[in-house]
C-alpha atoms as a PDB file:
ATOM      1  CA  MET A   1     -21.474   9.088  14.490  1.00  0.00           C
ATOM      2  CA  SER A   2     -20.927   6.312  17.054  1.00  0.00           C
ATOM      3  CA  ILE A   3     -17.898   6.315  19.348  1.00  0.00           C
ATOM      4  CA  LEU A   4     -16.517   3.338  17.417  1.00  0.00           C
ATOM      5  CA  ASN A   5     -16.864   5.115  14.073  1.00  0.00           C
ATOM      6  CA  SER A   6     -15.379   8.270  15.591  1.00  0.00           C
ATOM      7  CA  ALA A   7     -12.363   6.345  16.894  1.00  0.00           C
ATOM      8  CA  ALA A   8     -11.902   4.722  13.484  1.00  0.00           C
ATOM      9  CA  ALA A   9     -12.047   8.161  11.840  1.00  0.00           C
ATOM     10  CA  VAL A  10      -9.273   9.380  14.135  1.00  0.00           C
ATOM     11  CA  LEU A  11      -7.070   6.362  13.359  1.00  0.00           C
ATOM     12  CA  ARG A  12      -7.579   6.930   9.627  1.00  0.00           C
ATOM     13  CA  CYS A  13      -6.019  10.386  10.051  1.00  0.00           C
ATOM     14  CA  PHE A  14      -2.647   8.818  10.776  1.00  0.00           C
ATOM     15  CA  GLY A  15      -0.318   7.984   7.926  1.00  0.00           C
ATOM     16  CA  ALA A  16       2.990   8.829   6.321  1.00  0.00           C
ATOM     17  CA  GLU A  17       2.161  12.552   6.364  1.00  0.00           C
ATOM     18  CA  CYS A  18       0.450  12.587   9.761  1.00  0.00           C
ATOM     19  CA  THR A  19       2.219  10.810  12.619  1.00  0.00           C
ATOM     20  CA  GLU A  20       0.625  12.743  15.470  1.00  0.00           C
ATOM     21  CA  LEU A  21      -2.526  14.714  16.240  1.00  0.00           C
ATOM     22  CA  THR A  22      -3.563  17.538  18.531  1.00  0.00           C
ATOM     23  CA  VAL A  23      -7.104  18.399  19.535  1.00  0.00           C
ATOM     24  CA  MET A  24      -7.188  21.208  16.958  1.00  0.00           C
ATOM     25  CA  ASP A  25      -5.839  18.886  14.252  1.00  0.00           C
ATOM     26  CA  THR A  26      -8.724  16.528  15.005  1.00  0.00           C
ATOM     27  CA  VAL A  27     -11.223  19.376  14.875  1.00  0.00           C
ATOM     28  CA  GLU A  28      -9.964  20.419  11.451  1.00  0.00           C
ATOM     29  CA  LYS A  29      -9.726  16.921   9.982  1.00  0.00           C
ATOM     30  CA  LEU A  30     -13.023  15.542  11.291  1.00  0.00           C
ATOM     31  CA  GLY A  31     -15.073  18.732  11.475  1.00  0.00           C
ATOM     32  CA  ILE A  32     -16.251  18.131  15.043  1.00  0.00           C
ATOM     33  CA  PRO A  33     -16.493  20.541  18.023  1.00  0.00           C
ATOM     34  CA  LYS A  34     -13.339  21.059  20.086  1.00  0.00           C
ATOM     35  CA  SER A  35     -14.957  19.642  23.236  1.00  0.00           C
ATOM     36  CA  ASN A  36     -15.942  16.455  21.369  1.00  0.00           C
ATOM     37  CA  ALA A  37     -12.476  16.082  19.891  1.00  0.00           C
ATOM     38  CA  SER A  38     -10.847  16.488  23.295  1.00  0.00           C
ATOM     39  CA  ARG A  39     -13.115  13.885  24.917  1.00  0.00           C
ATOM     40  CA  LEU A  40     -12.624  11.473  22.027  1.00  0.00           C
ATOM     41  CA  LEU A  41      -8.823  11.656  22.114  1.00  0.00           C
ATOM     42  CA  ARG A  42      -8.764  11.214  25.900  1.00  0.00           C
ATOM     43  CA  ALA A  43     -11.099   8.223  25.677  1.00  0.00           C
ATOM     44  CA  MET A  44      -8.934   6.626  22.986  1.00  0.00           C
ATOM     45  CA  ARG A  45      -5.842   7.268  25.108  1.00  0.00           C
ATOM     46  CA  ASP A  46      -7.457   5.684  28.152  1.00  0.00           C
ATOM     47  CA  ALA A  47      -8.429   2.641  26.037  1.00  0.00           C
ATOM     48  CA  GLY A  48      -4.859   2.221  24.750  1.00  0.00           C
ATOM     49  CA  LEU A  49      -5.648   3.182  21.157  1.00  0.00           C
ATOM     50  CA  LEU A  50      -3.635   6.399  21.491  1.00  0.00           C
ATOM     51  CA  GLU A  51      -0.851   7.661  23.702  1.00  0.00           C
ATOM     52  CA  THR A  52       0.393  11.126  24.484  1.00  0.00           C
ATOM     53  CA  ILE A  53       3.890  12.107  23.398  1.00  0.00           C
ATOM     54  CA  GLY A  54       5.817  12.859  26.572  1.00  0.00           C
ATOM     55  CA  GLN A  55       4.293  15.762  28.475  1.00  0.00           C
ATOM     56  CA  THR A  56       2.834  17.358  25.346  1.00  0.00           C
ATOM     57  CA  LYS A  57      -0.775  17.517  24.211  1.00  0.00           C
ATOM     58  CA  ARG A  58       0.013  15.593  21.041  1.00  0.00           C
ATOM     59  CA  PHE A  59      -1.279  12.082  20.418  1.00  0.00           C
ATOM     60  CA  ARG A  60       0.048   9.158  18.397  1.00  0.00           C
ATOM     61  CA  PRO A  61      -1.178   5.570  17.877  1.00  0.00           C
ATOM     62  CA  GLY A  62      -0.870   3.514  21.046  1.00  0.00           C
ATOM     63  CA  VAL A  63       0.720   0.157  21.753  1.00  0.00           C
ATOM     64  CA  LEU A  64      -2.648  -1.563  21.341  1.00  0.00           C
ATOM     65  CA  VAL A  65      -2.752  -0.474  17.694  1.00  0.00           C
ATOM     66  CA  LEU A  66       0.820  -1.657  17.183  1.00  0.00           C
ATOM     67  CA  ASP A  67       0.006  -5.032  18.727  1.00  0.00           C
ATOM     68  CA  ALA A  68      -3.008  -5.356  16.416  1.00  0.00           C
ATOM     69  CA  ALA A  69      -0.828  -4.538  13.391  1.00  0.00           C
ATOM     70  CA  ILE A  70       1.716  -7.175  14.403  1.00  0.00           C
ATOM     71  CA  SER A  71      -1.063  -9.708  14.947  1.00  0.00           C
ATOM     72  CA  TYR A  72      -2.533  -8.919  11.524  1.00  0.00           C
ATOM     73  CA  ARG A  73       0.788  -9.440   9.817  1.00  0.00           C
ATOM     74  CA  ARG A  74       1.507 -12.691  11.650  1.00  0.00           C
ATOM     75  CA  SER A  75      -1.992 -14.023  10.988  1.00  0.00           C
ATOM     76  CA  SER A  76      -1.446 -13.746   7.241  1.00  0.00           C
ATOM     77  CA  SER A  77       1.050 -16.226   5.879  1.00  0.00           C
ATOM     78  CA  LEU A  78       0.753 -14.454   2.532  1.00  0.00           C
ATOM     79  CA  VAL A  79       1.708 -11.039   3.923  1.00  0.00           C
ATOM     80  CA  GLU A  80       4.559 -12.500   5.967  1.00  0.00           C
ATOM     81  CA  ARG A  81       6.032 -14.436   3.047  1.00  0.00           C
ATOM     82  CA  ALA A  82       5.573 -11.518   0.661  1.00  0.00           C
ATOM     83  CA  ALA A  83       7.314  -9.213   3.131  1.00  0.00           C
ATOM     84  CA  GLU A  84      10.284 -11.588   3.295  1.00  0.00           C
ATOM     85  CA  ALA A  85      10.499 -11.662  -0.512  1.00  0.00           C
ATOM     86  CA  VAL A  86      10.320  -7.863  -0.855  1.00  0.00           C
ATOM     87  CA  ALA A  87      12.863  -7.348   1.934  1.00  0.00           C
ATOM     88  CA  LYS A  88      15.275  -9.629   0.085  1.00  0.00           C
ATOM     89  CA  ILE A  89      14.856  -7.693  -3.176  1.00  0.00           C
ATOM     90  CA  SER A  90      15.113  -4.351  -1.399  1.00  0.00           C
ATOM     91  CA  THR A  91      18.386  -5.418   0.210  1.00  0.00           C
ATOM     92  CA  ALA A  92      19.784  -6.681  -3.106  1.00  0.00           C
ATOM     93  CA  THR A  93      18.847  -3.579  -5.105  1.00  0.00           C
ATOM     94  CA  GLY A  94      19.064  -0.859  -2.468  1.00  0.00           C
ATOM     95  CA  HIS A  95      15.592   0.372  -3.467  1.00  0.00           C
ATOM     96  CA  THR A  96      12.554   0.800  -1.227  1.00  0.00           C
ATOM     97  CA  GLY A  97       9.945  -1.971  -1.326  1.00  0.00           C
ATOM     98  CA  TYR A  98       6.372  -2.519  -0.187  1.00  0.00           C
ATOM     99  CA  VAL A  99       3.751  -5.173   0.242  1.00  0.00           C
ATOM    100  CA  SER A 100       0.375  -3.634  -0.559  1.00  0.00           C
ATOM    101  CA  LYS A 101      -3.303  -4.585  -0.507  1.00  0.00           C
ATOM    102  CA  LEU A 102      -6.338  -3.444  -2.460  1.00  0.00           C
ATOM    103  CA  ILE A 103      -8.910  -1.601  -0.345  1.00  0.00           C
ATOM    104  CA  ASP A 104     -11.991  -0.879  -2.434  1.00  0.00           C
ATOM    105  CA  THR A 105     -10.699   1.469  -5.166  1.00  0.00           C
ATOM    106  CA  GLU A 106      -7.439   2.303  -3.396  1.00  0.00           C
ATOM    107  CA  VAL A 107      -4.223   0.508  -2.546  1.00  0.00           C
ATOM    108  CA  ALA A 108      -2.256   0.824   0.685  1.00  0.00           C
ATOM    109  CA  ALA A 109       1.074  -0.538   1.891  1.00  0.00           C
ATOM    110  CA  VAL A 110       0.900  -2.962   4.824  1.00  0.00           C
ATOM    111  CA  THR A 111       4.684  -3.444   5.132  1.00  0.00           C
ATOM    112  CA  ASP A 112       7.581  -1.310   3.961  1.00  0.00           C
ATOM    113  CA  HIS A 113      11.273  -1.955   3.471  1.00  0.00           C
ATOM    114  CA  PRO A 114      13.389   1.229   3.196  1.00  0.00           C
ATOM    115  CA  GLY A 115      16.097   1.335   0.562  1.00  0.00           C
ATOM    116  CA  THR A 116      19.769   1.892   1.283  1.00  0.00           C
ATOM    117  CA  HIS A 117      20.772   4.178  -1.606  1.00  0.00           C
ATOM    118  CA  SER A 118      21.650   7.730  -0.623  1.00  0.00           C
ATOM    119  CA  LEU A 119      19.033   8.778  -3.187  1.00  0.00           C
ATOM    120  CA  ARG A 120      15.952   6.681  -2.481  1.00  0.00           C
ATOM    121  CA  VAL A 121      12.179   6.857  -2.182  1.00  0.00           C
ATOM    122  CA  VAL A 122      11.081   7.487   1.398  1.00  0.00           C
ATOM    123  CA  SER A 123       8.512   5.302   3.131  1.00  0.00           C
ATOM    124  CA  ASN A 124       4.879   5.732   2.092  1.00  0.00           C
ATOM    125  CA  ILE A 125       3.408   3.395   4.698  1.00  0.00           C
ATOM    126  CA  GLY A 126      -0.136   4.485   5.466  1.00  0.00           C
ATOM    127  CA  ARG A 127      -0.467   6.546   2.287  1.00  0.00           C
ATOM    128  CA  ARG A 128      -3.306   5.413   0.027  1.00  0.00           C
ATOM    129  CA  LEU A 129      -3.056   5.574  -3.752  1.00  0.00           C
ATOM    130  CA  THR A 130      -5.730   5.203  -6.376  1.00  0.00           C
ATOM    131  CA  ALA A 131      -5.739   1.617  -7.609  1.00  0.00           C
ATOM    132  CA  HIS A 132      -6.275   2.597 -11.243  1.00  0.00           C
ATOM    133  CA  GLY A 133      -3.543   5.246 -11.149  1.00  0.00           C
ATOM    134  CA  SER A 134      -0.725   3.238  -9.596  1.00  0.00           C
ATOM    135  CA  GLY A 135       1.323   0.277 -10.753  1.00  0.00           C
ATOM    136  CA  THR A 136       0.721  -1.572  -7.500  1.00  0.00           C
ATOM    137  CA  GLY A 137      -3.012  -1.012  -7.733  1.00  0.00           C
ATOM    138  CA  ARG A 138      -3.176  -2.235 -11.323  1.00  0.00           C
ATOM    139  CA  ALA A 139      -1.192  -5.363 -10.408  1.00  0.00           C
ATOM    140  CA  LEU A 140      -4.004  -6.240  -7.990  1.00  0.00           C
ATOM    141  CA  LEU A 141      -6.829  -5.089 -10.261  1.00  0.00           C
ATOM    142  CA  ALA A 142      -5.481  -7.393 -12.964  1.00  0.00           C
ATOM    143  CA  LEU A 143      -6.521 -10.339 -10.781  1.00  0.00           C
ATOM    144  CA  LEU A 144     -10.138  -9.282 -11.343  1.00  0.00           C
ATOM    145  CA  SER A 145     -12.159  -9.683 -14.517  1.00  0.00           C
ATOM    146  CA  ASP A 146     -12.876  -6.649 -16.705  1.00  0.00           C
ATOM    147  CA  ASP A 147     -16.524  -6.771 -15.612  1.00  0.00           C
ATOM    148  CA  GLU A 148     -15.484  -6.735 -11.956  1.00  0.00           C
ATOM    149  CA  VAL A 149     -13.197  -3.769 -12.572  1.00  0.00           C
ATOM    150  CA  ARG A 150     -15.948  -1.843 -14.380  1.00  0.00           C
ATOM    151  CA  ALA A 151     -18.320  -2.541 -11.478  1.00  0.00           C
ATOM    152  CA  LEU A 152     -15.704  -1.381  -8.967  1.00  0.00           C
ATOM    153  CA  PHE A 153     -15.348   1.923 -10.819  1.00  0.00           C
ATOM    154  CA  ALA A 154     -19.003   2.302 -11.757  1.00  0.00           C
ATOM    155  CA  ASP A 155     -18.834   6.018 -10.931  1.00  0.00           C
ATOM    156  CA  GLY A 156     -15.865   6.535 -13.226  1.00  0.00           C
ATOM    157  CA  ILE A 157     -12.249   7.401 -12.411  1.00  0.00           C
ATOM    158  CA  VAL A 158     -10.336  10.545 -11.561  1.00  0.00           C
ATOM    159  CA  PRO A 159      -6.784  10.292 -12.973  1.00  0.00           C
ATOM    160  CA  PRO A 160      -4.174  11.277 -10.357  1.00  0.00           C
ATOM    161  CA  SER A 161      -1.934  12.692 -13.088  1.00  0.00           C
ATOM    162  CA  ASP A 162      -1.676  13.160 -16.843  1.00  0.00           C
ATOM    163  CA  LEU A 163       0.582  10.077 -16.952  1.00  0.00           C
ATOM    164  CA  SER A 164      -2.134   7.810 -15.553  1.00  0.00           C
ATOM    165  CA  PRO A 165      -4.943   6.140 -17.517  1.00  0.00           C
ATOM    166  CA  GLN A 166      -7.530   8.797 -18.338  1.00  0.00           C
ATOM    167  CA  SER A 167     -10.547   6.505 -18.700  1.00  0.00           C
ATOM    168  CA  ILE A 168     -11.747   3.095 -17.576  1.00  0.00           C
ATOM    169  CA  ASP A 169     -11.057   1.778 -21.074  1.00  0.00           C
ATOM    170  CA  GLU A 170      -7.432   2.864 -20.762  1.00  0.00           C
ATOM    171  CA  VAL A 171      -7.276   1.169 -17.356  1.00  0.00           C
ATOM    172  CA  LEU A 172      -8.499  -2.081 -18.899  1.00  0.00           C
ATOM    173  CA  GLU A 173      -5.864  -1.791 -21.643  1.00  0.00           C
ATOM    174  CA  ARG A 174      -3.167  -1.492 -18.979  1.00  0.00           C
ATOM    175  CA  LEU A 175      -4.626  -4.453 -17.085  1.00  0.00           C
ATOM    176  CA  ALA A 176      -4.547  -6.618 -20.195  1.00  0.00           C
ATOM    177  CA  GLU A 177      -0.824  -5.913 -20.470  1.00  0.00           C
ATOM    178  CA  VAL A 178      -0.317  -6.767 -16.785  1.00  0.00           C
ATOM    179  CA  ARG A 179      -2.114 -10.093 -17.248  1.00  0.00           C
ATOM    180  CA  ARG A 180       0.045 -10.837 -20.296  1.00  0.00           C
ATOM    181  CA  THR A 181       3.403 -10.041 -18.683  1.00  0.00           C
ATOM    182  CA  GLY A 182       2.641 -10.603 -15.001  1.00  0.00           C
ATOM    183  CA  VAL A 183       4.214  -7.231 -14.173  1.00  0.00           C
ATOM    184  CA  SER A 184       2.749  -3.765 -13.629  1.00  0.00           C
ATOM    185  CA  PHE A 185       4.914  -0.714 -14.314  1.00  0.00           C
ATOM    186  CA  SER A 186       4.258   2.841 -13.199  1.00  0.00           C
ATOM    187  CA  ALA A 187       6.315   5.706 -14.597  1.00  0.00           C
ATOM    188  CA  GLN A 188       6.006   8.793 -12.369  1.00  0.00           C
ATOM    189  CA  GLU A 189       2.234   8.458 -12.078  1.00  0.00           C
ATOM    190  CA  SER A 190       1.578   8.777  -8.359  1.00  0.00           C
ATOM    191  CA  THR A 191       4.743  10.717  -7.527  1.00  0.00           C
ATOM    192  CA  ARG A 192       6.791  12.764  -9.977  1.00  0.00           C
ATOM    193  CA  GLY A 193      10.294  11.397 -10.393  1.00  0.00           C
ATOM    194  CA  VAL A 194       9.404   7.961  -9.023  1.00  0.00           C
ATOM    195  CA  ASP A 195       9.011   4.723 -10.996  1.00  0.00           C
ATOM    196  CA  ALA A 196       7.672   1.433  -9.656  1.00  0.00           C
ATOM    197  CA  LEU A 197       7.299  -2.222 -10.589  1.00  0.00           C
ATOM    198  CA  SER A 198       4.728  -4.503  -8.988  1.00  0.00           C
ATOM    199  CA  VAL A 199       3.734  -8.161  -9.142  1.00  0.00           C
ATOM    200  CA  ALA A 200       0.602  -9.561  -7.503  1.00  0.00           C
ATOM    201  CA  VAL A 201       0.218 -12.926  -5.813  1.00  0.00           C
ATOM    202  CA  ARG A 202      -2.873 -14.562  -4.336  1.00  0.00           C
ATOM    203  CA  ASP A 203      -3.333 -17.190  -1.622  1.00  0.00           C
ATOM    204  CA  PRO A 204      -5.214 -20.038  -3.363  1.00  0.00           C
ATOM    205  CA  GLU A 205      -6.875 -21.103  -0.112  1.00  0.00           C
ATOM    206  CA  THR A 206      -8.122 -17.782   1.273  1.00  0.00           C
ATOM    207  CA  GLY A 207      -8.269 -15.681  -1.894  1.00  0.00           C
ATOM    208  CA  GLU A 208      -6.265 -12.951  -0.158  1.00  0.00           C
ATOM    209  CA  ALA A 209      -4.056 -11.019  -2.575  1.00  0.00           C
ATOM    210  CA  VAL A 210      -1.083  -8.695  -2.156  1.00  0.00           C
ATOM    211  CA  ALA A 211       1.325  -6.922  -4.458  1.00  0.00           C
ATOM    212  CA  LEU A 212       5.100  -7.015  -4.167  1.00  0.00           C
ATOM    213  CA  CYS A 213       6.449  -3.616  -5.183  1.00  0.00           C
ATOM    214  CA  ILE A 214       9.834  -1.958  -5.639  1.00  0.00           C
ATOM    215  CA  VAL A 215      10.082   1.813  -6.151  1.00  0.00           C
ATOM    216  CA  TRP A 216      13.040   3.977  -7.144  1.00  0.00           C
ATOM    217  CA  PRO A 217      13.959   7.486  -8.321  1.00  0.00           C
ATOM    218  CA  ALA A 218      13.316   7.483 -12.077  1.00  0.00           C
ATOM    219  CA  ALA A 219      16.751   8.922 -12.842  1.00  0.00           C
ATOM    220  CA  LEU A 220      18.575   6.237 -10.853  1.00  0.00           C
ATOM    221  CA  ALA A 221      17.757   2.980 -12.685  1.00  0.00           C
ATOM    222  CA  THR A 222      18.654   1.967 -16.228  1.00  0.00           C
ATOM    223  CA  GLU A 223      16.501  -0.223 -18.457  1.00  0.00           C
ATOM    224  CA  GLU A 224      18.757  -3.137 -17.547  1.00  0.00           C
ATOM    225  CA  ASP A 225      18.225  -2.398 -13.842  1.00  0.00           C
ATOM    226  CA  ARG A 226      14.481  -2.359 -14.420  1.00  0.00           C
ATOM    227  CA  LYS A 227      14.601  -5.771 -16.120  1.00  0.00           C
ATOM    228  CA  THR A 228      16.606  -7.158 -13.208  1.00  0.00           C
ATOM    229  CA  ILE A 229      14.063  -5.864 -10.686  1.00  0.00           C
ATOM    230  CA  GLU A 230      11.243  -7.270 -12.810  1.00  0.00           C
ATOM    231  CA  THR A 231      12.816 -10.733 -12.803  1.00  0.00           C
ATOM    232  CA  MET A 232      13.445 -10.593  -9.064  1.00  0.00           C
ATOM    233  CA  LEU A 233       9.825  -9.626  -8.373  1.00  0.00           C
ATOM    234  CA  LEU A 234       8.461 -12.377 -10.604  1.00  0.00           C
ATOM    235  CA  ASP A 235      10.744 -14.921  -8.956  1.00  0.00           C
ATOM    236  CA  GLY A 236       9.814 -13.658  -5.504  1.00  0.00           C
ATOM    237  CA  ALA A 237       6.105 -13.911  -6.272  1.00  0.00           C
ATOM    238  CA  ALA A 238       6.616 -17.427  -7.654  1.00  0.00           C
ATOM    239  CA  GLU A 239       8.369 -18.490  -4.452  1.00  0.00           C
ATOM    240  CA  VAL A 240       5.561 -17.063  -2.315  1.00  0.00           C
ATOM    241  CA  SER A 241       2.934 -18.714  -4.504  1.00  0.00           C
ATOM    242  CA  ALA A 242       4.699 -22.097  -4.377  1.00  0.00           C
ATOM    243  CA  ALA A 243       5.041 -21.911  -0.588  1.00  0.00           C
ATOM    244  CA  LEU A 244       1.271 -21.457  -0.397  1.00  0.00           C
ATOM    245  CA  GLY A 245       0.634 -24.477  -2.613  1.00  0.00           C
ATOM    246  CA  ASP A 246       0.046 -22.698  -5.915  1.00  0.00           C
ATOM    247  CA  ARG A 247       2.642 -23.514  -8.581  1.00  0.00           C
ATOM    248  CA  THR A 248       0.985 -21.677 -11.475  1.00  0.00           C
ATOM    249  CA  LEU A 249       3.608 -18.929 -11.169  1.00  0.00           C
ATOM    250  CA  ARG A 250       7.058 -20.031 -12.245  1.00  0.00           C
ATOM    251  CA  LYS A 251      10.474 -18.518 -11.622  1.00  0.00           C
ATOM    252  CA  ARG A 252      12.274 -16.934 -14.556  1.00  0.00           C
END
């Protein structure tokens, strides 16, 4: 494994459930010798990719990574506009929101907007979900043709729960519904007790696509609340789409 691939492997260890690493953590996660892990973490620290936490021997992502993340967000008009739309909905509803992207057969949040309710879904930034087994993922998959989806999951699917589609045919059935309504709903699929609504939007010039998503504790929202969130997401996506020159999506 090259030093670049090794550094990338270390950065992929970080996420919502892993905000710092020690040498032994790196050994366990990457399966490399302790001496190699120690040298790798020091080299990444010296390059600005990592930083030590105070006087401890624990490492976290460095300022260079943060600067790259900010640059990525600012370089994408789609992500920036989608983040503004989700933040507005999150503030209005009190529920947590995300802007997510499809990465191969998974989906990951690139921005998050914490809710304000005392009972709310905590941030999942950095956590990857299966695209076929999450509402956000299916919102993005619905932008593809059935043939493209079958090719993407040529090796089959592994359902994340008994509430998720159990076969590729079931996935395609869900996607047909998403294309018909414009909205993707997930009822406690990825996380027990958590529901989510997602709407996808694509930049007509670059082809880049993101999903606007709002999540909430399943016991907290009524059917009327869900319809309100659905309308707000569809309107938000329409505003983003129109700002990018695509008026095929219309506000409710």
